[in-house]
Protein backbone atom coordinates (compact mmCIF):
# COMPACT_ATOMS: atom_id res chain seq x y z
CA UNK A 1 45.42 7.01 -58.78
CA UNK A 2 42.67 6.30 -56.31
CA UNK A 3 40.46 4.58 -58.87
CA UNK A 4 40.29 0.90 -59.58
CA UNK A 5 38.36 -1.09 -62.19
CA UNK A 6 36.88 -4.25 -60.67
CA UNK A 7 36.64 -7.64 -62.39
CA UNK A 8 32.99 -6.72 -63.11
CA UNK A 9 34.21 -3.63 -65.03
CA UNK A 10 32.90 -1.23 -62.41
CA UNK A 11 34.74 1.88 -61.26
CA UNK A 12 35.77 1.60 -57.60
CA UNK A 13 36.90 4.52 -55.45
CA UNK A 14 39.77 3.62 -53.13
CA UNK A 15 40.02 7.01 -51.46
CA UNK A 16 36.95 9.02 -50.60
CA UNK A 17 38.81 12.35 -50.56
CA UNK A 18 37.05 13.41 -53.76
CA UNK A 19 33.62 12.52 -52.42
CA UNK A 20 31.01 14.88 -51.07
CA UNK A 21 27.35 14.71 -50.26
CA UNK A 22 25.40 17.13 -52.39
CA UNK A 23 21.80 17.98 -51.49
CA UNK A 24 19.01 17.35 -53.98
CA UNK A 25 18.43 21.05 -54.74
CA UNK A 26 22.11 21.50 -55.66
CA UNK A 27 22.14 18.29 -57.73
CA UNK A 28 19.10 19.48 -59.68
CA UNK A 29 20.60 22.94 -60.15
CA UNK A 30 23.85 21.36 -61.33
CA UNK A 31 21.96 19.22 -63.84
CA UNK A 32 20.15 22.30 -65.16
CA UNK A 33 23.47 24.18 -65.31
CA UNK A 34 25.11 21.40 -67.34
CA UNK A 35 22.17 21.28 -69.74
CA UNK A 36 22.22 25.05 -70.11
CA UNK A 37 26.00 25.11 -70.61
CA UNK A 38 25.92 22.36 -73.23
CA UNK A 39 23.01 23.97 -75.09
CA UNK A 40 24.56 27.45 -74.90
CA UNK A 41 21.71 28.90 -72.80
CA UNK A 42 23.96 31.27 -70.87
CA UNK A 43 21.02 33.46 -69.87
CA UNK A 44 19.53 30.65 -67.75
CA UNK A 45 22.97 29.50 -66.62
CA UNK A 46 23.87 32.93 -65.23
CA UNK A 47 20.42 34.26 -64.25
CA UNK A 48 19.16 31.11 -62.53
CA UNK A 49 21.65 28.25 -62.18
CA UNK A 50 24.58 30.30 -60.83
CA UNK A 51 22.26 31.69 -58.16
CA UNK A 52 20.71 28.33 -57.22
CA UNK A 53 24.17 26.78 -56.91
CA UNK A 54 25.34 29.62 -54.68
CA UNK A 55 27.91 31.18 -57.02
CA UNK A 56 25.92 34.42 -57.02
CA UNK A 57 23.52 35.95 -54.50
CA UNK A 58 19.86 35.14 -55.27
CA UNK A 59 18.92 38.83 -55.51
CA UNK A 60 21.85 39.97 -57.65
CA UNK A 61 21.13 41.86 -60.86
CA UNK A 62 23.24 40.06 -63.46
CA UNK A 63 22.43 42.32 -66.42
CA UNK A 64 25.98 43.70 -66.59
CA UNK A 65 27.57 40.33 -65.88
CA UNK A 66 25.75 38.25 -68.52
CA UNK A 67 27.56 39.49 -71.66
CA UNK A 68 30.95 39.21 -69.93
CA UNK A 69 30.39 35.64 -68.73
CA UNK A 70 28.78 34.64 -72.03
CA UNK A 71 31.94 35.71 -73.87
CA UNK A 72 34.19 33.91 -71.39
CA UNK A 73 32.17 30.68 -71.45
CA UNK A 74 31.88 30.70 -75.23
CA UNK A 75 35.55 31.39 -75.92
CA UNK A 76 37.04 29.47 -73.01
CA UNK A 77 34.95 26.32 -73.06
CA UNK A 78 32.72 25.81 -76.06
CA UNK A 79 34.87 27.25 -78.86
CA UNK A 80 38.04 25.66 -77.56
CA UNK A 81 36.88 22.22 -78.71
CA UNK A 82 37.78 18.85 -77.32
CA UNK A 83 41.53 19.22 -77.05
CA UNK A 84 42.41 19.77 -73.40
CA UNK A 85 45.57 21.71 -74.27
CA UNK A 86 43.61 24.04 -76.59
CA UNK A 87 41.00 24.60 -73.85
CA UNK A 88 43.71 25.36 -71.29
CA UNK A 89 45.39 27.78 -73.70
CA UNK A 90 42.04 29.49 -74.40
CA UNK A 91 41.33 29.77 -70.68
CA UNK A 92 44.80 31.24 -70.12
CA UNK A 93 44.10 33.77 -72.89
CA UNK A 94 40.95 34.95 -71.10
CA UNK A 95 42.26 34.49 -67.55
CA UNK A 96 42.79 38.22 -67.06
CA UNK A 97 39.15 38.85 -67.97
CA UNK A 98 38.07 36.04 -65.67
CA UNK A 99 40.16 37.40 -62.79
CA UNK A 100 38.65 40.84 -63.29
CA UNK A 101 35.14 39.37 -63.19
CA UNK A 102 35.88 37.52 -59.94
CA UNK A 103 37.28 40.67 -58.32
CA UNK A 104 34.52 42.91 -59.60
CA UNK A 105 31.48 40.72 -58.82
CA UNK A 106 30.59 38.90 -55.59
CA UNK A 107 31.20 35.27 -56.54
CA UNK A 108 31.22 32.42 -54.03
CA UNK A 109 32.28 28.88 -54.77
CA UNK A 110 30.19 26.17 -53.10
CA UNK A 111 32.40 23.82 -51.05
CA UNK A 112 31.48 20.75 -53.09
CA UNK A 113 32.29 22.42 -56.40
CA UNK A 114 36.06 22.28 -55.95
CA UNK A 115 35.77 18.51 -55.45
CA UNK A 116 33.64 18.16 -58.58
CA UNK A 117 36.05 20.11 -60.79
CA UNK A 118 39.00 18.21 -59.37
CA UNK A 119 37.27 14.88 -59.93
CA UNK A 120 36.24 15.80 -63.48
CA UNK A 121 39.77 16.96 -64.24
CA UNK A 122 41.15 13.63 -63.01
CA UNK A 123 38.65 11.59 -65.03
CA UNK A 124 39.17 13.70 -68.14
CA UNK A 125 42.94 13.24 -67.84
CA UNK A 126 42.52 9.46 -67.63
CA UNK A 127 40.19 9.47 -70.64
CA UNK A 128 42.58 11.67 -72.65
CA UNK A 129 45.48 9.29 -71.96
CA UNK A 130 43.49 6.55 -73.73
CA UNK A 131 41.86 8.78 -76.35
CA UNK A 132 43.56 12.07 -77.20
CA UNK A 133 40.37 13.24 -78.95
CA UNK A 134 38.16 12.67 -75.91
CA UNK A 135 35.69 15.54 -75.42
CA UNK A 136 34.23 15.70 -71.92
CA UNK A 137 31.36 17.91 -73.11
CA UNK A 138 30.33 15.47 -75.84
CA UNK A 139 30.83 12.48 -73.55
CA UNK A 140 28.51 14.00 -70.96
CA UNK A 141 25.63 14.65 -73.39
CA UNK A 142 23.88 11.26 -73.07
CA UNK A 143 24.02 11.34 -69.27
CA UNK A 144 22.99 15.01 -69.12
CA UNK A 145 20.00 14.30 -71.38
CA UNK A 146 18.91 11.28 -69.35
CA UNK A 147 19.33 13.02 -66.00
CA UNK A 148 17.50 16.17 -67.16
CA UNK A 149 14.54 14.10 -68.37
CA UNK A 150 14.42 12.21 -65.06
CA UNK A 151 14.42 15.42 -63.03
CA UNK A 152 12.63 17.99 -65.18
CA UNK A 153 10.78 15.99 -67.85
CA UNK A 154 11.13 16.06 -71.61
CA UNK A 155 9.60 19.56 -71.91
CA UNK A 156 12.64 21.07 -70.17
CA UNK A 157 14.93 19.22 -72.55
CA UNK A 158 13.03 20.44 -75.63
CA UNK A 159 12.99 24.01 -74.29
CA UNK A 160 16.72 23.94 -73.50
CA UNK A 161 17.77 22.90 -76.99
CA UNK A 162 19.82 19.99 -75.64
CA UNK A 163 17.64 17.57 -77.58
CA UNK A 164 19.04 19.10 -80.80
CA UNK A 165 22.65 18.55 -79.81
CA UNK A 166 24.13 15.38 -81.22
CA UNK A 167 27.26 13.54 -80.32
CA UNK A 168 29.92 14.11 -82.94
CA UNK A 169 30.86 10.94 -84.83
CA UNK A 170 34.13 9.41 -83.73
CA UNK A 171 36.56 7.35 -85.74
CA UNK A 172 37.01 3.98 -84.13
CA UNK A 173 40.38 2.30 -84.61
C-alpha cells in the first residue's frame, strides 16, 4: 500500500496518485452531502448537493429522480449496514436500477470524485482487515459533525438531524 504510519502515529502518503485539490465550494458541498446522506435527508442531497457537486445540472428538475435515488441510497447504503460484503451484495442487487438511472438521467462525475471513492475504499478495506465490524458511515459521524459545524454552524447541524445520530456502541476486545 502507499500509506505509512510514522513513529509519531501519523498517516503518511507515499504516493500522491490518490490526491487531488478540491476547491472550497466543492469541499463545502461534499460536507453538506455527507451530512445529508448520514441523516437521511435525500431531498437536500439530490435537490441541492448533487447539483453543487456537479453530478446533476443546476437547472435540472429532479422531481422524478428523487424517489428512485432515495430508494437506491436507502437500500444500497444505509440499510445494508456496516458489513462491506452485505453492502456490496445490496449494491449488486440494485445495480440494474442504478444503471438505468445513469442511462436515463444526465449524470456527470466530477474528476476528483473517483479519487475520493477509491481512497475511501482503500481506507475502509484497511480498517475492515483490523475490525470486521468497522462501519465507515458510523466512523465518519464525529468528523462530519465537526466539519459541518465549522462550515455551516450548529443551526445547520440541528436542522439536518445529524445531531440526533449517535455512534453505535462497539464491543472492545
